[in-house]
């Protein structure tokens, strides 16, 4: 891409799963549209390039975390970060997306000019230079968490003389061989880090304040691998993808309708592996299955590490950090050379970009979601926030396809703007945007956009329902309004945020 080019049809923020997916959809479905991807880091991959902690892997199967247009070819369905990066690099290479990526460009602000129907974007390069770009559409594939700052639970660690690391900023030179390690946390990151570090550490203790529901499954999908040998690649992928989507949906619904039976089933699978080492208290949270996201244990790796004595799970609160370990509220002391604070992420909205319309700041917490893709009374902007109860990329595919259809409709009709219009006095009944009790969700609800009880003004957590609606419902639904720029029509109605 010529460095001097600054004006585009679509500007995509982020070269992770969401951004690469949108670029691939544009390439296929809107081939005449110009676009650029602005990526703040020096590599593509987003989360999968940022996180470098031991064992980093997907916690969803790659037949649904992969895109609908690109089959997953690796033998393992639960894949590590290098395999996921290989997948993304292949997509970028095959579709010639690479020349459209500008690395080292952090988007600072984006202001929509109603008179010209253009986004004016300011990006900062790695050397501190500010650059201005413009685009008709802004597509935010910047993820859901703060890349700069993880969640800080406020631990008083001053007395500890060992090394403290957070998984989000893993040091390249950390040597844990033969060391005593305490991993604080019980979520997906902790469940991944503990067995990976246990392979070389003297002992790894997962210290949890409260347990998490866990389920085990093989890293390899035997049915998927069988189908790949017997059928054309794309056909095998579609069948496996549909199978896994249905299983995800059924499991989630069963957990919500029969939580006790689901809990018993999860316990039985763990007890089968741990045998006499099974402690029900360590695996029984004070909430029902799928009130928070289940933690995946591929190939029973965590449970095998416990059986072999290389890892243990301790449930207790922290009393104090001492110079050589952690003192617990029950009086037990955990010696440690290294403490890993797998205490969670800090959510943010729109990648912390200062978004505005004609200079007026946009408060996303005062906007309603529209079809889980756009926002009330905000023109020419789309975003991806993936499913909490299924794979992130399922929504990324839906939203990318939808935006491409909107762009094509605009091209056919000569429209410059597409706005989901929500009038004042709309009477929408608000709903809990995330019916999940996870700490990182609850801490950030005040930042999140609004959710209505009825579609389309909501962010659903039902992929199969969303898939049908997004594909079958017309673009011109009476809510998404198309118009020309103000300079072409003299004046346009105000697009104020819904109160």
Protein backbone atom coordinates (compact mmCIF):
# COMPACT_ATOMS: atom_id res chain seq x y z
CA UNK A 1 0.00 0.00 0.00
CA UNK A 2 1.34 3.42 -0.91
CA UNK A 3 2.25 5.17 2.32
CA UNK A 4 0.69 8.42 1.12
CA UNK A 5 -2.76 6.86 0.67
CA UNK A 6 -4.99 8.19 3.41
CA UNK A 7 -8.57 7.91 2.13
CA UNK A 8 -10.47 4.61 2.10
CA UNK A 9 -13.92 3.13 1.83
CA UNK A 10 -13.39 1.11 5.00
CA UNK A 11 -10.88 1.46 7.83
CA UNK A 12 -10.50 -1.62 10.02
CA UNK A 13 -9.01 -1.24 13.49
CA UNK A 14 -7.03 -4.29 14.58
CA UNK A 15 -5.32 -7.12 12.71
CA UNK A 16 -6.54 -9.93 14.94
CA UNK A 17 -9.28 -12.46 14.24
CA UNK A 18 -11.97 -9.80 13.82
CA UNK A 19 -9.98 -7.47 11.60
CA UNK A 20 -8.49 -10.16 9.36
CA UNK A 21 -11.92 -11.73 9.03
CA UNK A 22 -13.47 -8.44 7.92
CA UNK A 23 -10.69 -7.89 5.37
CA UNK A 24 -11.26 -11.37 3.94
CA UNK A 25 -15.02 -10.81 3.66
CA UNK A 26 -14.44 -7.44 1.97
CA UNK A 27 -12.00 -9.00 -0.49
CA UNK A 28 -14.55 -11.61 -1.52
CA UNK A 29 -17.85 -9.71 -1.30
CA UNK A 30 -16.92 -6.06 -1.93
CA UNK A 31 -13.95 -6.36 -4.28
CA UNK A 32 -14.23 -2.77 -5.49
CA UNK A 33 -13.94 -1.27 -2.01
CA UNK A 34 -10.63 0.15 -0.78
CA UNK A 35 -9.65 -0.62 2.79
CA UNK A 36 -6.81 -0.51 5.26
CA UNK A 37 -6.18 -2.25 8.56
CA UNK A 38 -4.58 -0.16 11.29
CA UNK A 39 -2.74 -2.36 13.78
CA UNK A 40 -1.08 -0.79 16.80
CA UNK A 41 1.42 -3.61 17.26
CA UNK A 42 4.16 -4.85 14.98
CA UNK A 43 2.56 -8.18 14.13
CA UNK A 44 -0.83 -9.49 13.13
CA UNK A 45 -2.76 -11.88 15.34
CA UNK A 46 -4.06 -9.67 18.13
CA UNK A 47 -4.53 -11.75 21.28
CA UNK A 48 -2.71 -14.71 19.76
CA UNK A 49 0.42 -12.68 19.18
CA UNK A 50 0.23 -10.60 22.37
CA UNK A 51 -0.07 -13.47 24.86
CA UNK A 52 3.16 -15.42 25.23
CA UNK A 53 2.57 -17.30 28.47
CA UNK A 54 3.32 -21.05 28.59
CA UNK A 55 0.75 -23.22 26.85
CA UNK A 56 -1.33 -20.34 25.44
CA UNK A 57 -4.11 -21.91 23.38
CA UNK A 58 -7.71 -21.56 22.33
CA UNK A 59 -10.47 -22.41 24.77
CA UNK A 60 -12.88 -22.98 21.89
CA UNK A 61 -12.61 -25.57 19.14
CA UNK A 62 -10.99 -24.19 16.01
CA UNK A 63 -13.76 -25.45 13.76
CA UNK A 64 -15.93 -22.69 15.23
CA UNK A 65 -13.17 -20.27 16.25
CA UNK A 66 -11.98 -20.54 12.66
CA UNK A 67 -13.77 -18.60 9.92
CA UNK A 68 -16.66 -19.92 7.87
CA UNK A 69 -14.70 -19.30 4.65
CA UNK A 70 -11.39 -20.95 5.62
CA UNK A 71 -11.22 -24.59 6.79
CA UNK A 72 -9.18 -25.48 9.85
CA UNK A 73 -6.59 -27.99 8.67
CA UNK A 74 -4.56 -28.79 11.76
CA UNK A 75 -5.03 -32.14 13.44
CA UNK A 76 -5.74 -30.56 16.83
CA UNK A 77 -9.07 -28.84 17.23
CA UNK A 78 -7.91 -27.20 20.47
CA UNK A 79 -4.96 -25.30 19.07
CA UNK A 80 -1.99 -23.44 20.50
CA UNK A 81 -1.19 -19.84 19.58
CA UNK A 82 1.47 -20.69 16.93
CA UNK A 83 -1.05 -22.85 15.03
CA UNK A 84 -3.67 -20.10 15.18
CA UNK A 85 -1.13 -17.56 13.92
CA UNK A 86 -0.24 -19.92 11.05
CA UNK A 87 -3.92 -20.02 10.15
CA UNK A 88 -4.21 -16.23 10.14
CA UNK A 89 -1.00 -15.78 8.15
CA UNK A 90 -2.29 -18.23 5.53
CA UNK A 91 -5.52 -16.24 5.16
CA UNK A 92 -3.58 -12.99 4.83
CA UNK A 93 -1.23 -14.46 2.23
CA UNK A 94 -3.86 -16.26 0.15
CA UNK A 95 -6.08 -13.17 -0.08
CA UNK A 96 -3.28 -10.61 -0.46
CA UNK A 97 -4.38 -8.79 2.69
CA UNK A 98 -0.84 -8.05 3.88
CA UNK A 99 -0.23 -4.94 1.73
CA UNK A 100 -3.34 -3.37 3.29
CA UNK A 101 -2.09 -3.64 6.88
CA UNK A 102 -0.33 -0.68 8.48
CA UNK A 103 1.50 -1.89 11.54
CA UNK A 104 2.54 0.39 14.37
CA UNK A 105 -0.53 2.60 13.94
CA UNK A 106 -2.53 3.15 17.13
CA UNK A 107 -5.88 4.82 16.50
CA UNK A 108 -6.31 7.73 18.91
CA UNK A 109 -9.54 9.33 17.73
CA UNK A 110 -12.27 9.00 15.12
CA UNK A 111 -14.74 11.80 14.35
CA UNK A 112 -17.62 11.39 11.91
CA UNK A 113 -18.21 14.44 9.73
CA UNK A 114 -21.93 14.47 8.92
CA UNK A 115 -21.53 17.05 6.15
CA UNK A 116 -19.24 14.79 4.18
CA UNK A 117 -20.23 11.39 5.59
CA UNK A 118 -16.61 10.59 6.39
CA UNK A 119 -14.72 9.38 9.41
CA UNK A 120 -11.67 11.51 10.20
CA UNK A 121 -9.20 9.27 11.99
CA UNK A 122 -6.04 10.21 13.87
CA UNK A 123 -3.47 7.46 14.38
CA UNK A 124 -0.19 7.59 16.26
CA UNK A 125 2.84 5.72 14.93
CA UNK A 126 5.44 3.98 17.07
CA UNK A 127 7.74 7.01 16.90
CA UNK A 128 4.99 9.33 18.15
CA UNK A 129 4.04 10.86 14.79
CA UNK A 130 0.36 11.67 14.31
CA UNK A 131 -1.23 10.74 10.97
CA UNK A 132 -4.65 11.60 9.60
CA UNK A 133 -6.74 9.22 7.52
CA UNK A 134 -10.34 9.20 6.39
CA UNK A 135 -12.90 6.56 5.52
CA UNK A 136 -16.57 6.14 4.81
CA UNK A 137 -16.87 3.21 7.23
CA UNK A 138 -15.10 2.42 10.50
CA UNK A 139 -14.96 -1.22 11.55
CA UNK A 140 -13.72 -1.87 15.07
CA UNK A 141 -12.01 -5.23 15.38
CA UNK A 142 -10.01 -4.08 18.37
CA UNK A 143 -11.20 -6.75 20.78
CA UNK A 144 -12.76 -6.33 24.18
CA UNK A 145 -9.94 -5.84 26.67
CA UNK A 146 -7.31 -3.24 27.49
CA UNK A 147 -4.02 -4.12 25.80
CA UNK A 148 -2.12 -1.64 27.98
CA UNK A 149 -3.36 -2.52 31.43
CA UNK A 150 -4.66 -5.80 32.90
CA UNK A 151 -7.00 -5.96 35.86
CA UNK A 152 -5.22 -5.07 39.10
CA UNK A 153 -6.84 -6.67 42.17
CA UNK A 154 -4.72 -4.47 44.45
CA UNK A 155 -2.46 -7.11 45.98
CA UNK A 156 0.09 -5.76 48.46
CA UNK A 157 3.09 -7.67 47.13
CA UNK A 158 5.90 -5.40 48.33
CA UNK A 159 7.35 -7.94 50.76
CA UNK A 160 7.62 -10.72 48.20
CA UNK A 161 11.22 -11.06 47.01
CA UNK A 162 10.59 -13.43 44.12
CA UNK A 163 9.32 -12.64 40.64
CA UNK A 164 5.74 -11.55 39.92
CA UNK A 165 4.40 -11.79 36.37
CA UNK A 166 1.03 -11.19 34.73
CA UNK A 167 0.17 -13.46 31.78
CA UNK A 168 -0.63 -10.44 29.61
CA UNK A 169 3.00 -9.28 29.85
CA UNK A 170 4.98 -12.49 30.01
CA UNK A 171 8.77 -11.92 30.05
CA UNK A 172 10.66 -13.76 27.31
CA UNK A 173 13.52 -14.72 29.64
CA UNK A 174 11.46 -16.16 32.51
CA UNK A 175 13.01 -19.47 33.59
CA UNK A 176 10.71 -21.47 35.85
CA UNK A 177 12.58 -24.78 35.67
CA UNK A 178 12.87 -26.30 39.12
CA UNK A 179 11.05 -23.35 40.71
CA UNK A 180 8.08 -23.26 43.05
CA UNK A 181 5.25 -21.42 41.30
CA UNK A 182 1.96 -20.07 42.63
CA UNK A 183 -0.63 -19.17 40.00
CA UNK A 184 -3.35 -16.92 41.43
CA UNK A 185 -6.63 -17.41 39.61
CA UNK A 186 -8.97 -20.12 38.42
CA UNK A 187 -10.05 -18.95 34.98
CA UNK A 188 -9.06 -20.03 31.49
CA UNK A 189 -5.57 -18.53 31.72
CA UNK A 190 -4.74 -20.21 35.02
CA UNK A 191 -6.09 -23.56 33.80
CA UNK A 192 -3.77 -23.24 30.80
CA UNK A 193 -0.67 -21.95 32.59
CA UNK A 194 -0.63 -24.46 35.45
CA UNK A 195 -0.16 -27.72 33.48
CA UNK A 196 2.20 -26.03 31.01
CA UNK A 197 4.50 -24.72 33.77
CA UNK A 198 4.19 -27.94 35.76
CA UNK A 199 6.11 -29.78 33.05
CA UNK A 200 9.35 -28.08 34.19
CA UNK A 201 8.65 -26.47 37.55
CA UNK A 202 9.32 -28.13 40.89
CA UNK A 203 5.68 -27.60 41.87
CA UNK A 204 2.84 -25.41 40.61
CA UNK A 205 -0.02 -24.42 42.89
CA UNK A 206 -3.21 -22.96 41.46
CA UNK A 207 -4.51 -20.70 44.21
CA UNK A 208 -8.19 -19.96 43.74
CA UNK A 209 -10.49 -17.81 45.80
CA UNK A 210 -13.47 -19.60 44.28
CA UNK A 211 -13.53 -22.69 42.04
CA UNK A 212 -14.49 -22.68 38.36
CA UNK A 213 -16.55 -25.21 36.44
CA UNK A 214 -14.22 -27.23 34.22
CA UNK A 215 -14.77 -29.72 31.47
CA UNK A 216 -12.34 -31.95 29.65
CA UNK A 217 -12.26 -32.97 26.01
CA UNK A 218 -9.63 -34.33 23.63
CA UNK A 219 -7.51 -31.75 21.85
CA UNK A 220 -8.07 -33.73 18.65
CA UNK A 221 -11.56 -34.02 17.19
CA UNK A 222 -11.64 -37.62 15.94
CA UNK A 223 -14.85 -37.09 13.95
CA UNK A 224 -13.41 -34.01 12.25
CA UNK A 225 -10.20 -35.81 11.34
CA UNK A 226 -12.14 -38.81 10.01
CA UNK A 227 -14.36 -36.57 7.87
CA UNK A 228 -11.30 -34.79 6.47
CA UNK A 229 -9.93 -38.10 5.26
CA UNK A 230 -13.21 -39.16 3.67
CA UNK A 231 -14.72 -35.96 2.25
CA UNK A 232 -13.68 -32.83 0.37
CA UNK A 233 -12.04 -30.39 2.77
CA UNK A 234 -14.73 -27.71 2.66
CA UNK A 235 -17.54 -30.25 3.10
CA UNK A 236 -15.84 -31.89 6.07
CA UNK A 237 -15.26 -28.49 7.64
CA UNK A 238 -18.88 -27.41 7.23
CA UNK A 239 -20.17 -30.62 8.80
CA UNK A 240 -17.77 -30.41 11.75
CA UNK A 241 -18.51 -26.73 12.25
CA UNK A 242 -22.26 -27.37 12.32
CA UNK A 243 -21.83 -30.33 14.68
CA UNK A 244 -19.81 -28.27 17.13
CA UNK A 245 -22.16 -25.29 16.97
CA UNK A 246 -25.12 -27.52 17.77
CA UNK A 247 -23.29 -29.23 20.61
CA UNK A 248 -22.29 -25.85 22.09
CA UNK A 249 -25.88 -24.65 21.91
CA UNK A 250 -27.31 -27.82 23.43
CA UNK A 251 -24.77 -27.85 26.27
CA UNK A 252 -25.44 -24.22 27.14
CA UNK A 253 -29.22 -24.69 27.13
CA UNK A 254 -28.95 -27.85 29.24
CA UNK A 255 -26.79 -26.00 31.76
CA UNK A 256 -29.43 -23.27 32.03
CA UNK A 257 -32.43 -25.59 32.28
CA UNK A 258 -30.87 -28.39 34.35
CA UNK A 259 -27.86 -26.90 36.13
CA UNK A 260 -27.68 -29.58 38.83
CA UNK A 261 -27.51 -32.40 36.32
CA UNK A 262 -24.90 -30.53 34.30
CA UNK A 263 -22.80 -30.01 37.42
CA UNK A 264 -23.02 -33.69 38.30
CA UNK A 265 -21.96 -34.66 34.78
CA UNK A 266 -18.96 -32.33 34.91
CA UNK A 267 -17.94 -33.72 38.28
CA UNK A 268 -18.16 -37.31 37.07
CA UNK A 269 -15.80 -36.64 34.18
CA UNK A 270 -13.22 -35.02 36.48
CA UNK A 271 -13.54 -37.72 39.13
CA UNK A 272 -13.00 -40.41 36.50
CA UNK A 273 -9.55 -38.96 35.79
CA UNK A 274 -8.51 -37.85 39.28
CA UNK A 275 -9.79 -40.88 41.19
CA UNK A 276 -8.82 -40.60 44.84
CA UNK A 277 -7.32 -37.17 44.16
CA UNK A 278 -10.74 -35.76 43.35
CA UNK A 279 -11.84 -33.10 45.83
CA UNK A 280 -15.36 -32.00 44.99
CA UNK A 281 -14.93 -28.75 46.93
CA UNK A 282 -12.10 -27.65 44.64
CA UNK A 283 -14.31 -28.10 41.58
CA UNK A 284 -17.66 -26.80 42.84
CA UNK A 285 -18.21 -23.07 42.29
CA UNK A 286 -20.88 -21.11 44.18
CA UNK A 287 -22.73 -20.60 40.88
CA UNK A 288 -24.33 -22.81 38.25
CA UNK A 289 -22.53 -24.08 35.15
CA UNK A 290 -22.41 -21.44 32.41
CA UNK A 291 -23.21 -18.58 34.80
CA UNK A 292 -19.59 -18.03 33.91
CA UNK A 293 -17.72 -19.45 30.93
CA UNK A 294 -16.63 -23.06 31.44
CA UNK A 295 -12.88 -23.69 31.55
CA UNK A 296 -11.63 -26.17 29.00
CA UNK A 297 -9.08 -28.80 30.02
CA UNK A 298 -7.79 -30.43 26.80
CA UNK A 299 -6.56 -34.01 27.08
CA UNK A 300 -7.05 -33.79 30.89
CA UNK A 301 -3.67 -32.01 31.10
CA UNK A 302 -4.44 -30.19 34.37
CA UNK A 303 -5.85 -33.31 36.01
CA UNK A 304 -2.91 -35.44 34.87
CA UNK A 305 -0.49 -32.89 36.35
CA UNK A 306 -2.37 -33.15 39.66
CA UNK A 307 -2.26 -36.96 39.59
CA UNK A 308 1.47 -36.87 38.96
CA UNK A 309 2.04 -34.54 41.92
CA UNK A 310 3.38 -31.73 39.74
CA UNK A 311 0.40 -29.46 40.39
CA UNK A 312 -2.24 -28.87 43.04
CA UNK A 313 -5.32 -26.73 43.52
CA UNK A 314 -5.75 -24.79 46.76
CA UNK A 315 -8.95 -22.93 47.61
CA UNK A 316 -8.41 -20.08 50.08
CA UNK A 317 -8.14 -16.34 50.43
CA UNK A 318 -4.82 -14.54 50.61
CA UNK A 319 -3.87 -13.18 54.01
CA UNK A 320 -0.53 -11.65 53.05
CA UNK A 321 2.43 -11.87 50.70
CA UNK A 322 5.61 -12.78 52.53
CA UNK A 323 9.16 -12.51 51.24
CA UNK A 324 9.23 -16.13 50.05
CA UNK A 325 5.60 -17.02 49.44
CA UNK A 326 1.93 -16.49 50.18
CA UNK A 327 0.23 -16.76 53.56
CA UNK A 328 -3.39 -17.91 53.32
CA UNK A 329 -6.34 -16.99 55.52
CA UNK A 330 -6.54 -20.57 56.78
CA UNK A 331 -2.98 -20.37 58.11
CA UNK A 332 -1.34 -22.39 55.34
CA UNK A 333 1.81 -21.00 53.74
CA UNK A 334 2.58 -21.53 50.04
CA UNK A 335 6.31 -21.16 49.30
CA UNK A 336 6.97 -19.50 45.95
CA UNK A 337 9.85 -18.39 43.76
CA UNK A 338 7.45 -17.07 41.10
CA UNK A 339 3.92 -15.73 41.47
CA UNK A 340 1.69 -15.55 38.38
CA UNK A 341 -1.25 -13.19 38.79
CA UNK A 342 -3.80 -14.72 36.40
CA UNK A 343 -6.42 -12.44 37.88
CA UNK A 344 -8.22 -11.43 34.73
CA UNK A 345 -8.53 -8.80 32.07
CA UNK A 346 -9.73 -5.23 32.10
CA UNK A 347 -12.48 -4.59 29.58
CA UNK A 348 -12.67 -1.53 27.40
CA UNK A 349 -15.02 -0.28 24.70
CA UNK A 350 -14.00 0.60 21.13
CA UNK A 351 -10.33 0.03 21.84
CA UNK A 352 -10.26 3.20 23.99
CA UNK A 353 -10.59 5.27 20.81
CA UNK A 354 -12.12 8.73 21.31
CA UNK A 355 -15.14 8.38 19.02
CA UNK A 356 -17.22 11.45 18.18
CA UNK A 357 -19.78 12.78 15.70
CA UNK A 358 -19.24 16.35 14.50
CA UNK A 359 -16.98 16.84 17.48
CA UNK A 360 -19.53 15.57 20.03
CA UNK A 361 -18.06 12.64 22.05
CA UNK A 362 -19.90 9.35 21.73
CA UNK A 363 -20.74 7.68 25.03
CA UNK A 364 -21.25 4.04 24.08
CA UNK A 365 -22.89 3.37 27.44
CA UNK A 366 -25.79 5.55 26.22
CA UNK A 367 -26.21 3.74 22.88
CA UNK A 368 -28.19 0.59 22.25
CA UNK A 369 -26.69 -2.28 20.30
CA UNK A 370 -28.27 -2.85 16.91
CA UNK A 371 -28.16 -6.50 15.77
CA UNK A 372 -25.03 -6.98 17.90
CA UNK A 373 -23.15 -5.12 15.19
CA UNK A 374 -23.93 -1.38 15.11
CA UNK A 375 -25.18 1.23 17.59
CA UNK A 376 -28.26 3.41 17.83
CA UNK A 377 -27.99 6.69 15.93
CA UNK A 378 -24.32 6.20 15.12
CA UNK A 379 -23.60 6.23 11.38
CA UNK A 380 -21.25 4.01 9.39
CA UNK A 381 -19.67 2.19 12.32
CA UNK A 382 -19.64 -1.50 13.18
CA UNK A 383 -17.97 -3.49 15.92
CA UNK A 384 -17.32 -7.07 16.98
CA UNK A 385 -17.98 -8.36 20.48
CA UNK A 386 -18.01 -12.14 20.28
CA UNK A 387 -20.17 -14.66 22.06
CA UNK A 388 -19.52 -15.46 25.71
CA UNK A 389 -21.10 -18.92 25.41
CA UNK A 390 -19.56 -19.84 22.04
CA UNK A 391 -16.62 -18.97 19.80
CA UNK A 392 -15.74 -15.32 19.22
CA UNK A 393 -15.39 -15.72 15.47
CA UNK A 394 -18.97 -16.88 14.99
CA UNK A 395 -20.15 -13.32 15.57
CA UNK A 396 -17.19 -11.86 13.67
CA UNK A 397 -18.29 -13.76 10.56
CA UNK A 398 -21.91 -12.67 10.96
CA UNK A 399 -21.02 -9.02 11.41
CA UNK A 400 -18.51 -8.95 8.56
CA UNK A 401 -21.01 -10.48 6.15
CA UNK A 402 -23.72 -8.10 7.30
CA UNK A 403 -21.56 -4.99 6.85
CA UNK A 404 -20.58 -6.16 3.36
CA UNK A 405 -24.25 -6.46 2.43
CA UNK A 406 -24.92 -2.98 3.82
CA UNK A 407 -22.01 -1.56 1.83
CA UNK A 408 -23.25 -3.21 -1.34
CA UNK A 409 -26.76 -1.83 -0.77
CA UNK A 410 -25.28 1.65 -0.31
CA UNK A 411 -23.34 1.30 -3.55
CA UNK A 412 -26.48 0.28 -5.45
CA UNK A 413 -28.60 3.10 -4.07
CA UNK A 414 -25.99 5.86 -3.94
CA UNK A 415 -26.29 6.28 -0.15
CA UNK A 416 -23.42 7.68 1.90
CA UNK A 417 -24.74 6.92 5.37
CA UNK A 418 -26.37 3.99 7.15
CA UNK A 419 -27.77 4.75 10.60
CA UNK A 420 -29.84 2.51 12.93
CA UNK A 421 -32.34 5.18 13.97
CA UNK A 422 -33.80 5.01 17.47
CA UNK A 423 -36.08 7.95 18.25
CA UNK A 424 -36.45 9.66 21.60
CA UNK A 425 -39.25 8.17 23.63
CA UNK A 426 -38.55 4.78 22.12
CA UNK A 427 -39.87 2.94 25.18
CA UNK A 428 -37.36 0.12 24.95
CA UNK A 429 -37.11 -2.07 28.03
CA UNK A 430 -33.50 -2.57 29.01
CA UNK A 431 -32.04 -6.00 29.62
CA UNK A 432 -28.87 -7.20 31.29
CA UNK A 433 -26.32 -7.06 28.48
CA UNK A 434 -24.35 -9.98 29.90
CA UNK A 435 -26.15 -12.58 31.98
CA UNK A 436 -22.80 -13.77 33.27
CA UNK A 437 -21.38 -13.45 36.77
CA UNK A 438 -17.70 -13.39 35.73
CA UNK A 439 -15.70 -10.72 37.57
CA UNK A 440 -14.32 -9.08 34.44
CA UNK A 441 -17.86 -8.77 33.08
CA UNK A 442 -19.38 -7.38 36.27
CA UNK A 443 -16.55 -4.87 36.77
CA UNK A 444 -17.13 -3.34 33.34
CA UNK A 445 -20.91 -3.27 32.91
CA UNK A 446 -21.02 0.49 33.41
CA UNK A 447 -18.89 0.90 30.28
CA UNK A 448 -20.94 -1.36 28.05
CA UNK A 449 -23.56 -0.25 25.50
CA UNK A 450 -27.22 -0.77 26.34
CA UNK A 451 -29.18 -3.91 25.61
CA UNK A 452 -32.94 -4.08 25.03
CA UNK A 453 -35.18 -7.04 25.77
CA UNK A 454 -36.21 -7.31 22.13
CA UNK A 455 -34.34 -7.69 18.89
CA UNK A 456 -32.79 -5.91 16.99
CA UNK A 457 -31.71 -3.57 19.80
CA UNK A 458 -29.58 -6.10 21.63
CA UNK A 459 -26.43 -8.17 21.73
CA UNK A 460 -27.72 -11.74 21.69
CA UNK A 461 -25.97 -14.80 23.06
CA UNK A 462 -27.70 -17.23 20.68
CA UNK A 463 -25.59 -17.78 17.60
CA UNK A 464 -27.99 -20.04 15.71
CA UNK A 465 -30.82 -17.52 16.16
CA UNK A 466 -28.59 -14.61 15.12
CA UNK A 467 -27.32 -16.52 12.11
CA UNK A 468 -30.82 -17.08 10.79
CA UNK A 469 -31.93 -13.51 11.42
CA UNK A 470 -28.86 -11.84 9.96
CA UNK A 471 -29.09 -13.91 6.79
CA UNK A 472 -32.85 -13.77 6.22
CA UNK A 473 -33.98 -10.35 7.39
CA UNK A 474 -33.76 -7.55 4.82
CA UNK A 475 -31.18 -4.79 5.09
CA UNK A 476 -33.98 -2.26 4.64
CA UNK A 477 -35.86 -3.14 7.82
CA UNK A 478 -37.33 0.30 8.49
CA UNK A 479 -34.77 0.91 11.25
CA UNK A 480 -31.50 1.13 9.34
CA UNK A 481 -31.92 4.37 7.41
CA UNK A 482 -29.86 5.24 4.34
CA UNK A 483 -29.18 8.81 3.25
CA UNK A 484 -26.84 11.15 1.45
CA UNK A 485 -24.30 13.40 3.11
CA UNK A 486 -25.55 16.77 4.37
CA UNK A 487 -23.66 18.68 1.72
CA UNK A 488 -25.74 16.84 -0.88
CA UNK A 489 -29.12 17.43 0.74
CA UNK A 490 -28.79 20.70 2.56
CA UNK A 491 -29.59 19.36 6.01
CA UNK A 492 -30.07 16.03 7.70
CA UNK A 493 -32.04 15.05 10.79
CA UNK A 494 -30.15 15.06 14.05
CA UNK A 495 -28.77 11.67 15.08
CA UNK A 496 -28.70 12.20 18.82
CA UNK A 497 -27.91 9.35 21.18
CA UNK A 498 -30.90 7.65 22.71
CA UNK A 499 -31.46 8.67 26.27
